[in-house]
């Protein structure tokens, strides 16, 4: 698969973001698993355990949505 690095680098930040969004949407539409390196699972487990041991580190689902709604208010 050829990737034209010079052309990608020449894109504006807005164009690069649009390209990333298109790629992300395409990945989400497919029913294929995405392989992750082992370190990703290890880090996810570490963060989960850290939050479970100290509830002040995270936000509840309700609080997250309240903050989003206030920003979009």
PDB file of N, CA and C in Angstrom:
ATOM      1  N   UNK A   1       0.846  -1.165   0.000  1.00  0.00           N
ATOM      2  CA  UNK A   1       0.000   0.000   0.000  1.00  0.00           C
ATOM      3  C   UNK A   1       0.897   1.235   0.000  1.00  0.00           C
ATOM      4  N   UNK A   2       0.891   1.977  -1.067  1.00  0.00           N
ATOM      5  CA  UNK A   2       1.714   3.192  -1.087  1.00  0.00           C
ATOM      6  C   UNK A   2       1.061   4.306  -0.279  1.00  0.00           C
ATOM      7  N   UNK A   3       1.853   4.954   0.539  1.00  0.00           N
ATOM      8  CA  UNK A   3       1.387   6.105   1.308  1.00  0.00           C
ATOM      9  C   UNK A   3       2.258   7.286   0.890  1.00  0.00           C
ATOM     10  N   UNK A   4       1.628   8.329   0.447  1.00  0.00           N
ATOM     11  CA  UNK A   4       2.334   9.478  -0.090  1.00  0.00           C
ATOM     12  C   UNK A   4       2.577  10.491   1.020  1.00  0.00           C
ATOM     13  N   UNK A   5       3.673  10.291   1.736  1.00  0.00           N
ATOM     14  CA  UNK A   5       3.976  11.075   2.923  1.00  0.00           C
ATOM     15  C   UNK A   5       4.044  12.569   2.626  1.00  0.00           C
ATOM     16  N   UNK A   6       4.696  12.956   1.544  1.00  0.00           N
ATOM     17  CA  UNK A   6       4.820  14.382   1.234  1.00  0.00           C
ATOM     18  C   UNK A   6       3.439  15.005   1.041  1.00  0.00           C
ATOM     19  N   UNK A   7       2.542  14.282   0.386  1.00  0.00           N
ATOM     20  CA  UNK A   7       1.189  14.811   0.179  1.00  0.00           C
ATOM     21  C   UNK A   7       0.433  14.915   1.497  1.00  0.00           C
ATOM     22  N   UNK A   8       0.620  13.938   2.363  1.00  0.00           N
ATOM     23  CA  UNK A   8      -0.047  13.990   3.671  1.00  0.00           C
ATOM     24  C   UNK A   8       0.487  15.151   4.495  1.00  0.00           C
ATOM     25  N   UNK A   9       1.775  15.346   4.473  1.00  0.00           N
ATOM     26  CA  UNK A   9       2.376  16.448   5.239  1.00  0.00           C
ATOM     27  C   UNK A   9       1.915  17.812   4.721  1.00  0.00           C
ATOM     28  N   UNK A  10       1.576  17.885   3.456  1.00  0.00           N
ATOM     29  CA  UNK A  10       1.150  19.152   2.863  1.00  0.00           C
ATOM     30  C   UNK A  10      -0.287  19.521   3.209  1.00  0.00           C
ATOM     31  N   UNK A  11      -1.044  18.580   3.745  1.00  0.00           N
ATOM     32  CA  UNK A  11      -2.433  18.871   4.116  1.00  0.00           C
ATOM     33  C   UNK A  11      -2.478  19.865   5.265  1.00  0.00           C
ATOM     34  N   UNK A  12      -3.538  20.641   5.319  1.00  0.00           N
ATOM     35  CA  UNK A  12      -3.745  21.558   6.445  1.00  0.00           C
ATOM     36  C   UNK A  12      -4.151  20.729   7.666  1.00  0.00           C
ATOM     37  N   UNK A  13      -4.037  21.291   8.862  1.00  0.00           N
ATOM     38  CA  UNK A  13      -4.499  20.559  10.044  1.00  0.00           C
ATOM     39  C   UNK A  13      -5.964  20.133   9.922  1.00  0.00           C
ATOM     40  N   UNK A  14      -6.804  20.982   9.383  1.00  0.00           N
ATOM     41  CA  UNK A  14      -8.228  20.634   9.231  1.00  0.00           C
ATOM     42  C   UNK A  14      -8.393  19.456   8.274  1.00  0.00           C
ATOM     43  N   UNK A  15      -7.624  19.439   7.191  1.00  0.00           N
ATOM     44  CA  UNK A  15      -7.707  18.331   6.238  1.00  0.00           C
ATOM     45  C   UNK A  15      -7.196  17.035   6.858  1.00  0.00           C
ATOM     46  N   UNK A  16      -6.136  17.131   7.655  1.00  0.00           N
ATOM     47  CA  UNK A  16      -5.596  15.945   8.331  1.00  0.00           C
ATOM     48  C   UNK A  16      -6.624  15.387   9.313  1.00  0.00           C
ATOM     49  N   UNK A  17      -7.274  16.261  10.051  1.00  0.00           N
ATOM     50  CA  UNK A  17      -8.293  15.819  10.995  1.00  0.00           C
ATOM     51  C   UNK A  17      -9.448  15.158  10.264  1.00  0.00           C
ATOM     52  N   UNK A  18      -9.854  15.718   9.148  1.00  0.00           N
ATOM     53  CA  UNK A  18     -10.927  15.116   8.359  1.00  0.00           C
ATOM     54  C   UNK A  18     -10.527  13.722   7.874  1.00  0.00           C
ATOM     55  N   UNK A  19      -9.286  13.565   7.456  1.00  0.00           N
ATOM     56  CA  UNK A  19      -8.790  12.266   7.009  1.00  0.00           C
ATOM     57  C   UNK A  19      -8.797  11.255   8.157  1.00  0.00           C
ATOM     58  N   UNK A  20      -8.360  11.684   9.328  1.00  0.00           N
ATOM     59  CA  UNK A  20      -8.367  10.804  10.501  1.00  0.00           C
ATOM     60  C   UNK A  20      -9.793  10.384  10.834  1.00  0.00           C
ATOM     61  N   UNK A  21     -10.732  11.325  10.780  1.00  0.00           N
ATOM     62  CA  UNK A  21     -12.134  11.015  11.061  1.00  0.00           C
ATOM     63  C   UNK A  21     -12.684  10.008  10.061  1.00  0.00           C
ATOM     64  N   UNK A  22     -12.316  10.166   8.784  1.00  0.00           N
ATOM     65  CA  UNK A  22     -12.772   9.227   7.761  1.00  0.00           C
ATOM     66  C   UNK A  22     -12.216   7.825   8.028  1.00  0.00           C
ATOM     67  N   UNK A  23     -10.931   7.755   8.386  1.00  0.00           N
ATOM     68  CA  UNK A  23     -10.327   6.455   8.684  1.00  0.00           C
ATOM     69  C   UNK A  23     -10.978   5.826   9.921  1.00  0.00           C
ATOM     70  N   UNK A  24     -11.208   6.635  10.955  1.00  0.00           N
ATOM     71  CA  UNK A  24     -11.823   6.137  12.193  1.00  0.00           C
ATOM     72  C   UNK A  24     -13.229   5.604  11.912  1.00  0.00           C
ATOM     73  N   UNK A  25     -14.009   6.361  11.143  1.00  0.00           N
ATOM     74  CA  UNK A  25     -15.361   5.921  10.792  1.00  0.00           C
ATOM     75  C   UNK A  25     -15.319   4.617  10.001  1.00  0.00           C
ATOM     76  N   UNK A  26     -14.374   4.500   9.095  1.00  0.00           N
ATOM     77  CA  UNK A  26     -14.245   3.290   8.294  1.00  0.00           C
ATOM     78  C   UNK A  26     -13.913   2.089   9.178  1.00  0.00           C
ATOM     79  N   UNK A  27     -13.021   2.280  10.136  1.00  0.00           N
ATOM     80  CA  UNK A  27     -12.691   1.190  11.055  1.00  0.00           C
ATOM     81  C   UNK A  27     -13.920   0.760  11.850  1.00  0.00           C
ATOM     82  N   UNK A  28     -14.728   1.726  12.274  1.00  0.00           N
ATOM     83  CA  UNK A  28     -15.915   1.429  13.066  1.00  0.00           C
ATOM     84  C   UNK A  28     -16.998   0.697  12.296  1.00  0.00           C
ATOM     85  N   UNK A  29     -17.012   0.855  10.993  1.00  0.00           N
ATOM     86  CA  UNK A  29     -18.035   0.203  10.174  1.00  0.00           C
ATOM     87  C   UNK A  29     -17.717  -1.260   9.895  1.00  0.00           C
ATOM     88  N   UNK A  30     -16.499  -1.639  10.118  1.00  0.00           N
ATOM     89  CA  UNK A  30     -16.093  -3.016   9.825  1.00  0.00           C
ATOM     90  C   UNK A  30     -16.264  -3.894  11.057  1.00  0.00           C
ATOM     91  N   UNK A  31     -16.561  -5.138  10.818  1.00  0.00           N
ATOM     92  CA  UNK A  31     -16.776  -6.079  11.921  1.00  0.00           C
ATOM     93  C   UNK A  31     -15.526  -6.936  12.134  1.00  0.00           C
ATOM     94  N   UNK A  32     -14.391  -6.281  12.143  1.00  0.00           N
ATOM     95  CA  UNK A  32     -13.132  -7.003  12.321  1.00  0.00           C
ATOM     96  C   UNK A  32     -12.465  -6.514  13.600  1.00  0.00           C
ATOM     97  N   UNK A  33     -11.821  -7.410  14.277  1.00  0.00           N
ATOM     98  CA  UNK A  33     -11.110  -7.004  15.478  1.00  0.00           C
ATOM     99  C   UNK A  33      -9.835  -6.275  15.076  1.00  0.00           C
ATOM    100  N   UNK A  34      -9.438  -5.351  15.900  1.00  0.00           N
ATOM    101  CA  UNK A  34      -8.227  -4.587  15.659  1.00  0.00           C
ATOM    102  C   UNK A  34      -7.184  -5.078  16.653  1.00  0.00           C
ATOM    103  N   UNK A  35      -6.100  -5.621  16.150  1.00  0.00           N
ATOM    104  CA  UNK A  35      -5.087  -6.151  17.072  1.00  0.00           C
ATOM    105  C   UNK A  35      -4.420  -5.025  17.855  1.00  0.00           C
ATOM    106  N   UNK A  36      -4.277  -5.241  19.136  1.00  0.00           N
ATOM    107  CA  UNK A  36      -3.620  -4.268  19.993  1.00  0.00           C
ATOM    108  C   UNK A  36      -2.375  -4.898  20.597  1.00  0.00           C
ATOM    109  N   UNK A  37      -1.339  -4.112  20.773  1.00  0.00           N
ATOM    110  CA  UNK A  37      -0.145  -4.653  21.429  1.00  0.00           C
ATOM    111  C   UNK A  37      -0.457  -5.002  22.880  1.00  0.00           C
ATOM    112  N   UNK A  38       0.281  -5.936  23.421  1.00  0.00           N
ATOM    113  CA  UNK A  38       0.058  -6.379  24.802  1.00  0.00           C
ATOM    114  C   UNK A  38       0.121  -5.227  25.797  1.00  0.00           C
ATOM    115  N   UNK A  39       0.989  -4.247  25.542  1.00  0.00           N
ATOM    116  CA  UNK A  39       1.138  -3.157  26.502  1.00  0.00           C
ATOM    117  C   UNK A  39      -0.144  -2.350  26.660  1.00  0.00           C
ATOM    118  N   UNK A  40      -0.996  -2.330  25.652  1.00  0.00           N
ATOM    119  CA  UNK A  40      -2.248  -1.580  25.740  1.00  0.00           C
ATOM    120  C   UNK A  40      -3.165  -2.209  26.799  1.00  0.00           C
ATOM    121  N   UNK A  41      -3.277  -3.523  26.770  1.00  0.00           N
ATOM    122  CA  UNK A  41      -4.110  -4.216  27.764  1.00  0.00           C
ATOM    123  C   UNK A  41      -3.524  -4.054  29.161  1.00  0.00           C
ATOM    124  N   UNK A  42      -2.214  -4.128  29.264  1.00  0.00           N
ATOM    125  CA  UNK A  42      -1.559  -3.963  30.570  1.00  0.00           C
ATOM    126  C   UNK A  42      -1.836  -2.567  31.117  1.00  0.00           C
ATOM    127  N   UNK A  43      -1.710  -1.552  30.272  1.00  0.00           N
ATOM    128  CA  UNK A  43      -1.954  -0.171  30.703  1.00  0.00           C
ATOM    129  C   UNK A  43      -3.422   0.057  31.048  1.00  0.00           C
ATOM    130  N   UNK A  44      -4.335  -0.506  30.268  1.00  0.00           N
ATOM    131  CA  UNK A  44      -5.766  -0.377  30.564  1.00  0.00           C
ATOM    132  C   UNK A  44      -6.085  -1.008  31.917  1.00  0.00           C
ATOM    133  N   UNK A  45      -5.526  -2.181  32.175  1.00  0.00           N
ATOM    134  CA  UNK A  45      -5.741  -2.840  33.470  1.00  0.00           C
ATOM    135  C   UNK A  45      -5.165  -2.005  34.606  1.00  0.00           C
ATOM    136  N   UNK A  46      -3.985  -1.426  34.408  1.00  0.00           N
ATOM    137  CA  UNK A  46      -3.354  -0.611  35.446  1.00  0.00           C
ATOM    138  C   UNK A  46      -4.227   0.598  35.768  1.00  0.00           C
ATOM    139  N   UNK A  47      -4.729   1.257  34.737  1.00  0.00           N
ATOM    140  CA  UNK A  47      -5.569   2.437  34.953  1.00  0.00           C
ATOM    141  C   UNK A  47      -6.887   2.075  35.624  1.00  0.00           C
ATOM    142  N   UNK A  48      -7.485   0.949  35.209  1.00  0.00           N
ATOM    143  CA  UNK A  48      -8.729   0.499  35.846  1.00  0.00           C
ATOM    144  C   UNK A  48      -8.498   0.232  37.328  1.00  0.00           C
ATOM    145  N   UNK A  49      -7.427  -0.482  37.633  1.00  0.00           N
ATOM    146  CA  UNK A  49      -7.127  -0.807  39.033  1.00  0.00           C
ATOM    147  C   UNK A  49      -6.848   0.449  39.846  1.00  0.00           C
ATOM    148  N   UNK A  50      -6.154   1.401  39.235  1.00  0.00           N
ATOM    149  CA  UNK A  50      -5.852   2.656  39.915  1.00  0.00           C
ATOM    150  C   UNK A  50      -7.139   3.417  40.240  1.00  0.00           C
ATOM    151  N   UNK A  51      -8.058   3.468  39.295  1.00  0.00           N
ATOM    152  CA  UNK A  51      -9.319   4.175  39.541  1.00  0.00           C
ATOM    153  C   UNK A  51     -10.177   3.454  40.562  1.00  0.00           C
ATOM    154  N   UNK A  52     -10.149   2.131  40.541  1.00  0.00           N
ATOM    155  CA  UNK A  52     -10.936   1.377  41.531  1.00  0.00           C
ATOM    156  C   UNK A  52     -10.401   1.592  42.936  1.00  0.00           C
ATOM    157  N   UNK A  53      -9.101   1.809  43.059  1.00  0.00           N
ATOM    158  CA  UNK A  53      -8.515   1.987  44.386  1.00  0.00           C
ATOM    159  C   UNK A  53      -8.660   3.421  44.903  1.00  0.00           C
ATOM    160  N   UNK A  54      -8.930   4.382  44.011  1.00  0.00           N
ATOM    161  CA  UNK A  54      -9.093   5.775  44.423  1.00  0.00           C
ATOM    162  C   UNK A  54     -10.187   6.414  43.571  1.00  0.00           C
ATOM    163  N   UNK A  55     -11.383   6.446  44.101  1.00  0.00           N
ATOM    164  CA  UNK A  55     -12.550   6.945  43.360  1.00  0.00           C
ATOM    165  C   UNK A  55     -12.437   8.419  42.992  1.00  0.00           C
ATOM    166  N   UNK A  56     -11.543   9.157  43.637  1.00  0.00           N
ATOM    167  CA  UNK A  56     -11.407  10.581  43.318  1.00  0.00           C
ATOM    168  C   UNK A  56     -10.674  10.814  42.002  1.00  0.00           C
ATOM    169  N   UNK A  57     -10.109   9.772  41.416  1.00  0.00           N
ATOM    170  CA  UNK A  57      -9.359   9.918  40.168  1.00  0.00           C
ATOM    171  C   UNK A  57     -10.252  10.026  38.938  1.00  0.00           C
ATOM    172  N   UNK A  58     -11.477   9.576  39.033  1.00  0.00           N
ATOM    173  CA  UNK A  58     -12.341   9.563  37.859  1.00  0.00           C
ATOM    174  C   UNK A  58     -13.640  10.310  38.083  1.00  0.00           C
ATOM    175  N   UNK A  59     -14.456  10.329  37.047  1.00  0.00           N
ATOM    176  CA  UNK A  59     -15.769  10.961  37.103  1.00  0.00           C
ATOM    177  C   UNK A  59     -16.836   9.919  36.823  1.00  0.00           C
ATOM    178  N   UNK A  60     -17.986  10.114  37.403  1.00  0.00           N
ATOM    179  CA  UNK A  60     -19.103   9.220  37.104  1.00  0.00           C
ATOM    180  C   UNK A  60     -19.610   9.501  35.693  1.00  0.00           C
ATOM    181  N   UNK A  61     -20.331   8.556  35.160  1.00  0.00           N
ATOM    182  CA  UNK A  61     -20.944   8.704  33.842  1.00  0.00           C
ATOM    183  C   UNK A  61     -21.824   9.941  33.820  1.00  0.00           C
ATOM    184  N   UNK A  62     -22.620  10.126  34.867  1.00  0.00           N
ATOM    185  CA  UNK A  62     -23.523  11.281  34.941  1.00  0.00           C
ATOM    186  C   UNK A  62     -22.748  12.601  34.961  1.00  0.00           C
ATOM    187  N   UNK A  63     -21.644  12.643  35.713  1.00  0.00           N
ATOM    188  CA  UNK A  63     -20.859  13.876  35.783  1.00  0.00           C
ATOM    189  C   UNK A  63     -20.219  14.199  34.438  1.00  0.00           C
ATOM    190  N   UNK A  64     -19.761  13.208  33.733  1.00  0.00           N
ATOM    191  CA  UNK A  64     -19.186  13.439  32.408  1.00  0.00           C
ATOM    192  C   UNK A  64     -20.221  14.082  31.503  1.00  0.00           C
ATOM    193  N   UNK A  65     -21.430  13.541  31.479  1.00  0.00           N
ATOM    194  CA  UNK A  65     -22.480  14.105  30.613  1.00  0.00           C
ATOM    195  C   UNK A  65     -22.896  15.498  31.064  1.00  0.00           C
ATOM    196  N   UNK A  66     -22.917  15.764  32.377  1.00  0.00           N
ATOM    197  CA  UNK A  66     -23.237  17.113  32.863  1.00  0.00           C
ATOM    198  C   UNK A  66     -22.220  18.123  32.335  1.00  0.00           C
ATOM    199  N   UNK A  67     -20.950  17.743  32.371  1.00  0.00           N
ATOM    200  CA  UNK A  67     -19.908  18.655  31.887  1.00  0.00           C
ATOM    201  C   UNK A  67     -20.022  18.886  30.382  1.00  0.00           C
ATOM    202  N   UNK A  68     -20.329  17.852  29.650  1.00  0.00           N
ATOM    203  CA  UNK A  68     -20.504  17.992  28.207  1.00  0.00           C
ATOM    204  C   UNK A  68     -21.670  18.918  27.917  1.00  0.00           C
ATOM    205  N   UNK A  69     -22.772  18.726  28.601  1.00  0.00           N
ATOM    206  CA  UNK A  69     -23.954  19.554  28.377  1.00  0.00           C
ATOM    207  C   UNK A  69     -23.707  20.999  28.745  1.00  0.00           C
ATOM    208  N   UNK A  70     -22.929  21.245  29.799  1.00  0.00           N
ATOM    209  CA  UNK A  70     -22.603  22.627  30.180  1.00  0.00           C
ATOM    210  C   UNK A  70     -21.765  23.303  29.102  1.00  0.00           C
ATOM    211  N   UNK A  71     -20.831  22.575  28.521  1.00  0.00           N
ATOM    212  CA  UNK A  71     -19.997  23.146  27.453  1.00  0.00           C
ATOM    213  C   UNK A  71     -20.827  23.472  26.213  1.00  0.00           C
ATOM    214  N   UNK A  72     -21.763  22.602  25.913  1.00  0.00           N
ATOM    215  CA  UNK A  72     -22.576  22.787  24.702  1.00  0.00           C
ATOM    216  C   UNK A  72     -23.777  23.676  24.951  1.00  0.00           C
ATOM    217  N   UNK A  73     -24.014  23.992  26.220  1.00  0.00           N
ATOM    218  CA  UNK A  73     -25.153  24.701  26.714  1.00  0.00           C
ATOM    219  C   UNK A  73     -25.684  25.803  25.977  1.00  0.00           C
TER     220      UNK A  73
END
